[in-house]
Amino acid sequence: MKIEIESKNPNALLDRTEVSFVADHRGEGSPKRADVKAKLAEALAVGKDKVIIDHMETEFGMGVSKGYAKVYGSAESAKKFEKNYLLARNGLAEPKKVAKK
């Protein structure tokens, strides 16, 4: 799998960089979020705990996934600004249990 970064936009107010990327995985299945997160962290030279993948969509029959990620200055900043479900998807928090009525 190859990761190509299409755009990087710094956001100093929220202590993050917003990244659009393309993951080329021809001949393989859709990539796991953890694998893409590790490749993005390697490409941007940051720790995996600072990368939050917001969304990622695979194009049908193409072997290419496009996505949007946020790279925070610290893990504490990520926990401060991100919603709990995104933190849980990216392995930085436990999902909240919702009580059924």
PDB file of N, CA and C in Angstrom:
ATOM      1  N   MET A   1       0.837  -1.177   0.000  1.00  0.00           N
ATOM      2  CA  MET A   1       0.000   0.000   0.000  1.00  0.00           C
ATOM      3  C   MET A   1       0.885   1.245   0.000  1.00  0.00           C
ATOM      4  N   LYS A   2       0.531   2.189  -0.864  1.00  0.00           N
ATOM      5  CA  LYS A   2       1.241   3.457  -0.922  1.00  0.00           C
ATOM      6  C   LYS A   2       0.297   4.568  -0.484  1.00  0.00           C
ATOM      7  N   ILE A   3       0.836   5.529   0.260  1.00  0.00           N
ATOM      8  CA  ILE A   3       0.071   6.693   0.693  1.00  0.00           C
ATOM      9  C   ILE A   3       0.610   7.917  -0.037  1.00  0.00           C
ATOM     10  N   GLU A   4      -0.291   8.673  -0.639  1.00  0.00           N
ATOM     11  CA  GLU A   4       0.083   9.926  -1.288  1.00  0.00           C
ATOM     12  C   GLU A   4      -0.719  11.044  -0.621  1.00  0.00           C
ATOM     13  N   ILE A   5      -0.023  12.056  -0.132  1.00  0.00           N
ATOM     14  CA  ILE A   5      -0.681  13.176   0.532  1.00  0.00           C
ATOM     15  C   ILE A   5      -1.035  14.212  -0.530  1.00  0.00           C
ATOM     16  N   GLU A   6      -2.335  14.508  -0.647  1.00  0.00           N
ATOM     17  CA  GLU A   6      -2.803  15.464  -1.653  1.00  0.00           C
ATOM     18  C   GLU A   6      -2.700  16.899  -1.159  1.00  0.00           C
ATOM     19  N   SER A   7      -3.057  17.129   0.105  1.00  0.00           N
ATOM     20  CA  SER A   7      -2.983  18.497   0.639  1.00  0.00           C
ATOM     21  C   SER A   7      -2.773  18.462   2.146  1.00  0.00           C
ATOM     22  N   LYS A   8      -2.090  19.491   2.631  1.00  0.00           N
ATOM     23  CA  LYS A   8      -1.869  19.682   4.069  1.00  0.00           C
ATOM     24  C   LYS A   8      -2.219  21.127   4.391  1.00  0.00           C
ATOM     25  N   ASN A   9      -3.128  21.321   5.337  1.00  0.00           N
ATOM     26  CA  ASN A   9      -3.529  22.661   5.751  1.00  0.00           C
ATOM     27  C   ASN A   9      -3.311  22.807   7.248  1.00  0.00           C
ATOM     28  N   PRO A  10      -2.435  23.700   7.677  1.00  0.00           N
ATOM     29  CA  PRO A  10      -2.231  23.897   9.117  1.00  0.00           C
ATOM     30  C   PRO A  10      -3.407  24.648   9.740  1.00  0.00           C
ATOM     31  N   ASN A  11      -3.748  24.263  10.955  1.00  0.00           N
ATOM     32  CA  ASN A  11      -4.813  24.922  11.711  1.00  0.00           C
ATOM     33  C   ASN A  11      -4.251  25.173  13.109  1.00  0.00           C
ATOM     34  N   ALA A  12      -3.620  26.318  13.305  1.00  0.00           N
ATOM     35  CA  ALA A  12      -2.938  26.633  14.560  1.00  0.00           C
ATOM     36  C   ALA A  12      -3.920  26.790  15.717  1.00  0.00           C
ATOM     37  N   LEU A  13      -5.132  27.242  15.434  1.00  0.00           N
ATOM     38  CA  LEU A  13      -6.126  27.451  16.482  1.00  0.00           C
ATOM     39  C   LEU A  13      -6.469  26.144  17.199  1.00  0.00           C
ATOM     40  N   LEU A  14      -6.553  25.054  16.443  1.00  0.00           N
ATOM     41  CA  LEU A  14      -6.881  23.749  17.018  1.00  0.00           C
ATOM     42  C   LEU A  14      -5.656  22.848  17.183  1.00  0.00           C
ATOM     43  N   ASP A  15      -4.458  23.392  16.972  1.00  0.00           N
ATOM     44  CA  ASP A  15      -3.201  22.659  17.145  1.00  0.00           C
ATOM     45  C   ASP A  15      -3.161  21.389  16.293  1.00  0.00           C
ATOM     46  N   ARG A  16      -3.495  21.539  15.002  1.00  0.00           N
ATOM     47  CA  ARG A  16      -3.490  20.370  14.129  1.00  0.00           C
ATOM     48  C   ARG A  16      -3.188  20.771  12.695  1.00  0.00           C
ATOM     49  N   THR A  17      -2.885  19.746  11.891  1.00  0.00           N
ATOM     50  CA  THR A  17      -2.730  19.877  10.454  1.00  0.00           C
ATOM     51  C   THR A  17      -3.761  18.960   9.819  1.00  0.00           C
ATOM     52  N   GLU A  18      -4.538  19.491   8.892  1.00  0.00           N
ATOM     53  CA  GLU A  18      -5.575  18.711   8.228  1.00  0.00           C
ATOM     54  C   GLU A  18      -5.024  18.181   6.909  1.00  0.00           C
ATOM     55  N   VAL A  19      -5.146  16.874   6.704  1.00  0.00           N
ATOM     56  CA  VAL A  19      -4.484  16.192   5.589  1.00  0.00           C
ATOM     57  C   VAL A  19      -5.507  15.428   4.754  1.00  0.00           C
ATOM     58  N   SER A  20      -5.466  15.630   3.435  1.00  0.00           N
ATOM     59  CA  SER A  20      -6.223  14.802   2.496  1.00  0.00           C
ATOM     60  C   SER A  20      -5.229  13.838   1.869  1.00  0.00           C
ATOM     61  N   PHE A  21      -5.617  12.572   1.758  1.00  0.00           N
ATOM     62  CA  PHE A  21      -4.677  11.567   1.255  1.00  0.00           C
ATOM     63  C   PHE A  21      -5.366  10.583   0.331  1.00  0.00           C
ATOM     64  N   VAL A  22      -4.532   9.877  -0.432  1.00  0.00           N
ATOM     65  CA  VAL A  22      -4.972   8.795  -1.304  1.00  0.00           C
ATOM     66  C   VAL A  22      -4.123   7.573  -0.968  1.00  0.00           C
ATOM     67  N   ALA A  23      -4.784   6.457  -0.703  1.00  0.00           N
ATOM     68  CA  ALA A  23      -4.090   5.197  -0.426  1.00  0.00           C
ATOM     69  C   ALA A  23      -4.283   4.274  -1.628  1.00  0.00           C
ATOM     70  N   ASP A  24      -3.191   3.884  -2.254  1.00  0.00           N
ATOM     71  CA  ASP A  24      -3.224   2.990  -3.410  1.00  0.00           C
ATOM     72  C   ASP A  24      -2.996   1.564  -2.911  1.00  0.00           C
ATOM     73  N   HIS A  25      -4.025   0.718  -3.038  1.00  0.00           N
ATOM     74  CA  HIS A  25      -3.922  -0.664  -2.539  1.00  0.00           C
ATOM     75  C   HIS A  25      -4.413  -1.637  -3.606  1.00  0.00           C
ATOM     76  N   ARG A  26      -3.977  -1.412  -4.833  1.00  0.00           N
ATOM     77  CA  ARG A  26      -4.390  -2.297  -5.934  1.00  0.00           C
ATOM     78  C   ARG A  26      -3.898  -3.716  -5.684  1.00  0.00           C
ATOM     79  N   GLY A  27      -4.773  -4.674  -5.942  1.00  0.00           N
ATOM     80  CA  GLY A  27      -4.428  -6.063  -5.750  1.00  0.00           C
ATOM     81  C   GLY A  27      -4.624  -6.539  -4.327  1.00  0.00           C
ATOM     82  N   GLU A  28      -5.041  -5.662  -3.444  1.00  0.00           N
ATOM     83  CA  GLU A  28      -5.292  -5.995  -2.041  1.00  0.00           C
ATOM     84  C   GLU A  28      -6.728  -5.615  -1.709  1.00  0.00           C
ATOM     85  N   GLY A  29      -7.174  -5.975  -0.522  1.00  0.00           N
ATOM     86  CA  GLY A  29      -8.487  -5.562  -0.065  1.00  0.00           C
ATOM     87  C   GLY A  29      -8.442  -4.132   0.443  1.00  0.00           C
ATOM     88  N   SER A  30      -9.582  -3.659   0.911  1.00  0.00           N
ATOM     89  CA  SER A  30      -9.623  -2.316   1.492  1.00  0.00           C
ATOM     90  C   SER A  30      -8.715  -2.281   2.715  1.00  0.00           C
ATOM     91  N   PRO A  31      -7.926  -1.236   2.863  1.00  0.00           N
ATOM     92  CA  PRO A  31      -6.978  -1.188   3.975  1.00  0.00           C
ATOM     93  C   PRO A  31      -7.663  -0.951   5.314  1.00  0.00           C
ATOM     94  N   LYS A  32      -7.076  -1.478   6.353  1.00  0.00           N
ATOM     95  CA  LYS A  32      -7.574  -1.255   7.706  1.00  0.00           C
ATOM     96  C   LYS A  32      -7.164   0.145   8.148  1.00  0.00           C
ATOM     97  N   ARG A  33      -7.988   0.731   8.997  1.00  0.00           N
ATOM     98  CA  ARG A  33      -7.738   2.079   9.506  1.00  0.00           C
ATOM     99  C   ARG A  33      -6.386   2.147  10.228  1.00  0.00           C
ATOM    100  N   ALA A  34      -6.032   1.113  10.976  1.00  0.00           N
ATOM    101  CA  ALA A  34      -4.769   1.108  11.716  1.00  0.00           C
ATOM    102  C   ALA A  34      -3.562   1.095  10.769  1.00  0.00           C
ATOM    103  N   ASP A  35      -3.672   0.375   9.653  1.00  0.00           N
ATOM    104  CA  ASP A  35      -2.570   0.330   8.687  1.00  0.00           C
ATOM    105  C   ASP A  35      -2.367   1.683   8.010  1.00  0.00           C
ATOM    106  N   VAL A  36      -3.470   2.328   7.635  1.00  0.00           N
ATOM    107  CA  VAL A  36      -3.382   3.642   7.009  1.00  0.00           C
ATOM    108  C   VAL A  36      -2.835   4.658   7.997  1.00  0.00           C
ATOM    109  N   LYS A  37      -3.273   4.556   9.246  1.00  0.00           N
ATOM    110  CA  LYS A  37      -2.800   5.462  10.299  1.00  0.00           C
ATOM    111  C   LYS A  37      -1.285   5.330  10.482  1.00  0.00           C
ATOM    112  N   ALA A  38      -0.784   4.097  10.483  1.00  0.00           N
ATOM    113  CA  ALA A  38       0.656   3.867  10.636  1.00  0.00           C
ATOM    114  C   ALA A  38       1.440   4.434   9.443  1.00  0.00           C
ATOM    115  N   LYS A  39       0.932   4.243   8.229  1.00  0.00           N
ATOM    116  CA  LYS A  39       1.614   4.764   7.035  1.00  0.00           C
ATOM    117  C   LYS A  39       1.600   6.295   7.014  1.00  0.00           C
ATOM    118  N   LEU A  40       0.480   6.910   7.423  1.00  0.00           N
ATOM    119  CA  LEU A  40       0.411   8.368   7.483  1.00  0.00           C
ATOM    120  C   LEU A  40       1.376   8.919   8.515  1.00  0.00           C
ATOM    121  N   ALA A  41       1.438   8.279   9.672  1.00  0.00           N
ATOM    122  CA  ALA A  41       2.353   8.721  10.729  1.00  0.00           C
ATOM    123  C   ALA A  41       3.799   8.636  10.241  1.00  0.00           C
ATOM    124  N   GLU A  42       4.112   7.578   9.509  1.00  0.00           N
ATOM    125  CA  GLU A  42       5.466   7.417   8.967  1.00  0.00           C
ATOM    126  C   GLU A  42       5.767   8.489   7.917  1.00  0.00           C
ATOM    127  N   ALA A  43       4.800   8.760   7.033  1.00  0.00           N
ATOM    128  CA  ALA A  43       5.004   9.740   5.969  1.00  0.00           C
ATOM    129  C   ALA A  43       5.140  11.162   6.517  1.00  0.00           C
ATOM    130  N   LEU A  44       4.443  11.450   7.606  1.00  0.00           N
ATOM    131  CA  LEU A  44       4.466  12.798   8.182  1.00  0.00           C
ATOM    132  C   LEU A  44       5.458  12.934   9.338  1.00  0.00           C
ATOM    133  N   ALA A  45       6.140  11.854   9.684  1.00  0.00           N
ATOM    134  CA  ALA A  45       7.148  11.834  10.752  1.00  0.00           C
ATOM    135  C   ALA A  45       6.578  12.281  12.093  1.00  0.00           C
ATOM    136  N   VAL A  46       5.432  11.690  12.475  1.00  0.00           N
ATOM    137  CA  VAL A  46       4.816  11.947  13.778  1.00  0.00           C
ATOM    138  C   VAL A  46       4.444  10.611  14.411  1.00  0.00           C
ATOM    139  N   GLY A  47       4.060  10.657  15.673  1.00  0.00           N
ATOM    140  CA  GLY A  47       3.633   9.449  16.366  1.00  0.00           C
ATOM    141  C   GLY A  47       2.230   9.039  15.950  1.00  0.00           C
ATOM    142  N   LYS A  48       1.929   7.726  16.028  1.00  0.00           N
ATOM    143  CA  LYS A  48       0.619   7.234  15.626  1.00  0.00           C
ATOM    144  C   LYS A  48      -0.499   7.769  16.519  1.00  0.00           C
ATOM    145  N   ASP A  49      -0.178   8.110  17.773  1.00  0.00           N
ATOM    146  CA  ASP A  49      -1.209   8.602  18.681  1.00  0.00           C
ATOM    147  C   ASP A  49      -1.661  10.023  18.354  1.00  0.00           C
ATOM    148  N   LYS A  50      -0.965  10.704  17.448  1.00  0.00           N
ATOM    149  CA  LYS A  50      -1.322  12.072  17.055  1.00  0.00           C
ATOM    150  C   LYS A  50      -2.153  12.120  15.785  1.00  0.00           C
ATOM    151  N   VAL A  51      -2.326  10.980  15.112  1.00  0.00           N
ATOM    152  CA  VAL A  51      -3.055  10.925  13.846  1.00  0.00           C
ATOM    153  C   VAL A  51      -4.463  10.415  14.096  1.00  0.00           C
ATOM    154  N   ILE A  52      -5.472  11.181  13.633  1.00  0.00           N
ATOM    155  CA  ILE A  52      -6.873  10.782  13.722  1.00  0.00           C
ATOM    156  C   ILE A  52      -7.412  10.726  12.293  1.00  0.00           C
ATOM    157  N   ILE A  53      -7.845   9.534  11.865  1.00  0.00           N
ATOM    158  CA  ILE A  53      -8.445   9.411  10.541  1.00  0.00           C
ATOM    159  C   ILE A  53      -9.928   9.714  10.696  1.00  0.00           C
ATOM    160  N   ASP A  54     -10.375  10.777  10.041  1.00  0.00           N
ATOM    161  CA  ASP A  54     -11.761  11.217  10.142  1.00  0.00           C
ATOM    162  C   ASP A  54     -12.659  10.321   9.286  1.00  0.00           C
ATOM    163  N   HIS A  55     -12.361  10.216   8.010  1.00  0.00           N
ATOM    164  CA  HIS A  55     -13.108   9.316   7.141  1.00  0.00           C
ATOM    165  C   HIS A  55     -12.220   8.831   6.001  1.00  0.00           C
ATOM    166  N   MET A  56     -12.638   7.697   5.435  1.00  0.00           N
ATOM    167  CA  MET A  56     -11.876   7.074   4.364  1.00  0.00           C
ATOM    168  C   MET A  56     -12.868   6.284   3.506  1.00  0.00           C
ATOM    169  N   GLU A  57     -12.851   6.521   2.191  1.00  0.00           N
ATOM    170  CA  GLU A  57     -13.777   5.843   1.291  1.00  0.00           C
ATOM    171  C   GLU A  57     -13.000   5.150   0.181  1.00  0.00           C
ATOM    172  N   THR A  58     -13.375   3.901  -0.100  1.00  0.00           N
ATOM    173  CA  THR A  58     -12.739   3.140  -1.169  1.00  0.00           C
ATOM    174  C   THR A  58     -13.579   3.273  -2.433  1.00  0.00           C
ATOM    175  N   GLU A  59     -12.923   3.579  -3.538  1.00  0.00           N
ATOM    176  CA  GLU A  59     -13.622   3.681  -4.810  1.00  0.00           C
ATOM    177  C   GLU A  59     -13.833   2.279  -5.366  1.00  0.00           C
ATOM    178  N   PHE A  60     -15.056   1.984  -5.764  1.00  0.00           N
ATOM    179  CA  PHE A  60     -15.436   0.654  -6.218  1.00  0.00           C
ATOM    180  C   PHE A  60     -14.622   0.215  -7.433  1.00  0.00           C
ATOM    181  N   GLY A  61     -13.963  -0.925  -7.301  1.00  0.00           N
ATOM    182  CA  GLY A  61     -13.240  -1.522  -8.409  1.00  0.00           C
ATOM    183  C   GLY A  61     -11.925  -0.860  -8.776  1.00  0.00           C
ATOM    184  N   MET A  62     -11.500   0.144  -8.032  1.00  0.00           N
ATOM    185  CA  MET A  62     -10.304   0.897  -8.408  1.00  0.00           C
ATOM    186  C   MET A  62      -9.066   0.512  -7.599  1.00  0.00           C
ATOM    187  N   GLY A  63      -9.239   0.019  -6.386  1.00  0.00           N
ATOM    188  CA  GLY A  63      -8.085  -0.268  -5.546  1.00  0.00           C
ATOM    189  C   GLY A  63      -7.464   0.992  -4.980  1.00  0.00           C
ATOM    190  N   VAL A  64      -8.276   2.033  -4.840  1.00  0.00           N
ATOM    191  CA  VAL A  64      -7.810   3.320  -4.340  1.00  0.00           C
ATOM    192  C   VAL A  64      -8.794   3.817  -3.290  1.00  0.00           C
ATOM    193  N   SER A  65      -8.268   4.299  -2.165  1.00  0.00           N
ATOM    194  CA  SER A  65      -9.094   4.891  -1.119  1.00  0.00           C
ATOM    195  C   SER A  65      -8.684   6.334  -0.915  1.00  0.00           C
ATOM    196  N   LYS A  66      -9.680   7.209  -0.771  1.00  0.00           N
ATOM    197  CA  LYS A  66      -9.420   8.610  -0.486  1.00  0.00           C
ATOM    198  C   LYS A  66      -9.895   8.883   0.932  1.00  0.00           C
ATOM    199  N   GLY A  67      -9.161   9.760   1.631  1.00  0.00           N
ATOM    200  CA  GLY A  67      -9.543  10.023   3.003  1.00  0.00           C
ATOM    201  C   GLY A  67      -9.093  11.374   3.507  1.00  0.00           C
ATOM    202  N   TYR A  68      -9.494  11.645   4.743  1.00  0.00           N
ATOM    203  CA  TYR A  68      -9.213  12.900   5.419  1.00  0.00           C
ATOM    204  C   TYR A  68      -8.763  12.565   6.835  1.00  0.00           C
ATOM    205  N   ALA A  69      -7.634  13.117   7.234  1.00  0.00           N
ATOM    206  CA  ALA A  69      -7.090  12.858   8.562  1.00  0.00           C
ATOM    207  C   ALA A  69      -6.670  14.166   9.208  1.00  0.00           C
ATOM    208  N   LYS A  70      -6.558  14.132  10.535  1.00  0.00           N
ATOM    209  CA  LYS A  70      -6.101  15.296  11.290  1.00  0.00           C
ATOM    210  C   LYS A  70      -4.885  14.860  12.098  1.00  0.00           C
ATOM    211  N   VAL A  71      -3.815  15.637  11.997  1.00  0.00           N
ATOM    212  CA  VAL A  71      -2.582  15.332  12.718  1.00  0.00           C
ATOM    213  C   VAL A  71      -2.406  16.401  13.787  1.00  0.00           C
ATOM    214  N   TYR A  72      -2.529  15.995  15.041  1.00  0.00           N
ATOM    215  CA  TYR A  72      -2.466  16.929  16.164  1.00  0.00           C
ATOM    216  C   TYR A  72      -1.038  17.103  16.659  1.00  0.00           C
ATOM    217  N   GLY A  73      -0.814  18.212  17.353  1.00  0.00           N
ATOM    218  CA  GLY A  73       0.491  18.483  17.942  1.00  0.00           C
ATOM    219  C   GLY A  73       0.798  17.556  19.103  1.00  0.00           C
ATOM    220  N   SER A  74      -0.250  17.102  19.804  1.00  0.00           N
ATOM    221  CA  SER A  74      -0.083  16.165  20.918  1.00  0.00           C
ATOM    222  C   SER A  74      -1.343  15.320  21.059  1.00  0.00           C
ATOM    223  N   ALA A  75      -1.212  14.192  21.743  1.00  0.00           N
ATOM    224  CA  ALA A  75      -2.367  13.323  21.954  1.00  0.00           C
ATOM    225  C   ALA A  75      -3.400  14.007  22.848  1.00  0.00           C
ATOM    226  N   GLU A  76      -2.945  14.859  23.760  1.00  0.00           N
ATOM    227  CA  GLU A  76      -3.867  15.586  24.642  1.00  0.00           C
ATOM    228  C   GLU A  76      -4.743  16.544  23.833  1.00  0.00           C
ATOM    229  N   SER A  77      -4.167  17.191  22.835  1.00  0.00           N
ATOM    230  CA  SER A  77      -4.939  18.077  21.962  1.00  0.00           C
ATOM    231  C   SER A  77      -5.994  17.285  21.200  1.00  0.00           C
ATOM    232  N   ALA A  78      -5.634  16.112  20.739  1.00  0.00           N
ATOM    233  CA  ALA A  78      -6.591  15.267  20.022  1.00  0.00           C
ATOM    234  C   ALA A  78      -7.756  14.901  20.937  1.00  0.00           C
ATOM    235  N   LYS A  79      -7.471  14.525  22.160  1.00  0.00           N
ATOM    236  CA  LYS A  79      -8.530  14.153  23.096  1.00  0.00           C
ATOM    237  C   LYS A  79      -9.376  15.349  23.495  1.00  0.00           C
ATOM    238  N   LYS A  80      -8.797  16.527  23.463  1.00  0.00           N
ATOM    239  CA  LYS A  80      -9.523  17.741  23.828  1.00  0.00           C
ATOM    240  C   LYS A  80     -10.516  18.158  22.746  1.00  0.00           C
ATOM    241  N   PHE A  81     -10.138  18.038  21.461  1.00  0.00           N
ATOM    242  CA  PHE A  81     -10.941  18.585  20.375  1.00  0.00           C
ATOM    243  C   PHE A  81     -11.802  17.560  19.631  1.00  0.00           C
ATOM    244  N   GLU A  82     -11.441  16.295  19.645  1.00  0.00           N
ATOM    245  CA  GLU A  82     -12.170  15.300  18.856  1.00  0.00           C
ATOM    246  C   GLU A  82     -13.342  14.713  19.624  1.00  0.00           C
ATOM    247  N   LYS A  83     -14.330  14.243  18.877  1.00  0.00           N
ATOM    248  CA  LYS A  83     -15.491  13.576  19.462  1.00  0.00           C
ATOM    249  C   LYS A  83     -15.089  12.172  19.897  1.00  0.00           C
ATOM    250  N   ASN A  84     -15.813  11.646  20.872  1.00  0.00           N
ATOM    251  CA  ASN A  84     -15.453  10.361  21.463  1.00  0.00           C
ATOM    252  C   ASN A  84     -15.503   9.215  20.445  1.00  0.00           C
ATOM    253  N   TYR A  85     -16.475   9.228  19.535  1.00  0.00           N
ATOM    254  CA  TYR A  85     -16.566   8.105  18.594  1.00  0.00           C
ATOM    255  C   TYR A  85     -15.365   8.065  17.652  1.00  0.00           C
ATOM    256  N   LEU A  86     -14.815   9.229  17.275  1.00  0.00           N
ATOM    257  CA  LEU A  86     -13.612   9.243  16.435  1.00  0.00           C
ATOM    258  C   LEU A  86     -12.390   8.790  17.223  1.00  0.00           C
ATOM    259  N   LEU A  87     -12.311   9.175  18.490  1.00  0.00           N
ATOM    260  CA  LEU A  87     -11.201   8.714  19.325  1.00  0.00           C
ATOM    261  C   LEU A  87     -11.272   7.201  19.502  1.00  0.00           C
ATOM    262  N   ALA A  88     -12.480   6.663  19.687  1.00  0.00           N
ATOM    263  CA  ALA A  88     -12.646   5.217  19.856  1.00  0.00           C
ATOM    264  C   ALA A  88     -12.264   4.476  18.568  1.00  0.00           C
ATOM    265  N   ARG A  89     -12.661   5.001  17.401  1.00  0.00           N
ATOM    266  CA  ARG A  89     -12.303   4.379  16.123  1.00  0.00           C
ATOM    267  C   ARG A  89     -10.807   4.336  15.901  1.00  0.00           C
ATOM    268  N   ASN A  90     -10.111   5.347  16.414  1.00  0.00           N
ATOM    269  CA  ASN A  90      -8.674   5.449  16.212  1.00  0.00           C
ATOM    270  C   ASN A  90      -7.869   4.886  17.380  1.00  0.00           C
ATOM    271  N   GLY A  91      -8.541   4.262  18.342  1.00  0.00           N
ATOM    272  CA  GLY A  91      -7.858   3.571  19.428  1.00  0.00           C
ATOM    273  C   GLY A  91      -7.321   4.460  20.530  1.00  0.00           C
ATOM    274  N   LEU A  92      -7.854   5.675  20.681  1.00  0.00           N
ATOM    275  CA  LEU A  92      -7.380   6.576  21.731  1.00  0.00           C
ATOM    276  C   LEU A  92      -8.335   6.694  22.907  1.00  0.00           C
ATOM    277  N   ALA A  93      -9.513   6.063  22.819  1.00  0.00           N
ATOM    278  CA  ALA A  93     -10.472   6.124  23.914  1.00  0.00           C
ATOM    279  C   ALA A  93     -11.364   4.878  23.852  1.00  0.00           C
ATOM    280  N   GLU A  94     -12.032   4.624  24.959  1.00  0.00           N
ATOM    281  CA  GLU A  94     -12.996   3.528  25.017  1.00  0.00           C
ATOM    282  C   GLU A  94     -14.353   4.059  24.560  1.00  0.00           C
ATOM    283  N   PRO A  95     -15.108   3.262  23.790  1.00  0.00           N
ATOM    284  CA  PRO A  95     -16.415   3.736  23.367  1.00  0.00           C
ATOM    285  C   PRO A  95     -17.359   3.862  24.562  1.00  0.00           C
ATOM    286  N   LYS A  96     -18.182   4.904  24.544  1.00  0.00           N
ATOM    287  CA  LYS A  96     -19.149   5.096  25.631  1.00  0.00           C
ATOM    288  C   LYS A  96     -20.305   4.146  25.436  1.00  0.00           C
ATOM    289  N   LYS A  97     -20.767   3.581  26.534  1.00  0.00           N
ATOM    290  CA  LYS A  97     -21.927   2.686  26.501  1.00  0.00           C
ATOM    291  C   LYS A  97     -23.177   3.540  26.643  1.00  0.00           C
ATOM    292  N   VAL A  98     -24.145   3.301  25.770  1.00  0.00           N
ATOM    293  CA  VAL A  98     -25.406   4.023  25.821  1.00  0.00           C
ATOM    294  C   VAL A  98     -26.434   3.101  26.438  1.00  0.00           C
ATOM    295  N   ALA A  99     -27.117   3.590  27.483  1.00  0.00           N
ATOM    296  CA  ALA A  99     -28.135   2.782  28.145  1.00  0.00           C
ATOM    297  C   ALA A  99     -29.377   2.706  27.281  1.00  0.00           C
ATOM    298  N   LYS A 100     -29.929   1.509  27.149  1.00  0.00           N
ATOM    299  CA  LYS A 100     -31.151   1.318  26.378  1.00  0.00           C
ATOM    300  C   LYS A 100     -32.354   1.553  27.275  1.00  0.00           C
ATOM    301  N   LYS A 101     -33.400   2.109  26.687  1.00  0.00           N
ATOM    302  CA  LYS A 101     -34.617   2.374  27.464  1.00  0.00           C
ATOM    303  C   LYS A 101     -35.516   1.178  27.495  1.00  0.00           C
TER     304      LYS A 101
END
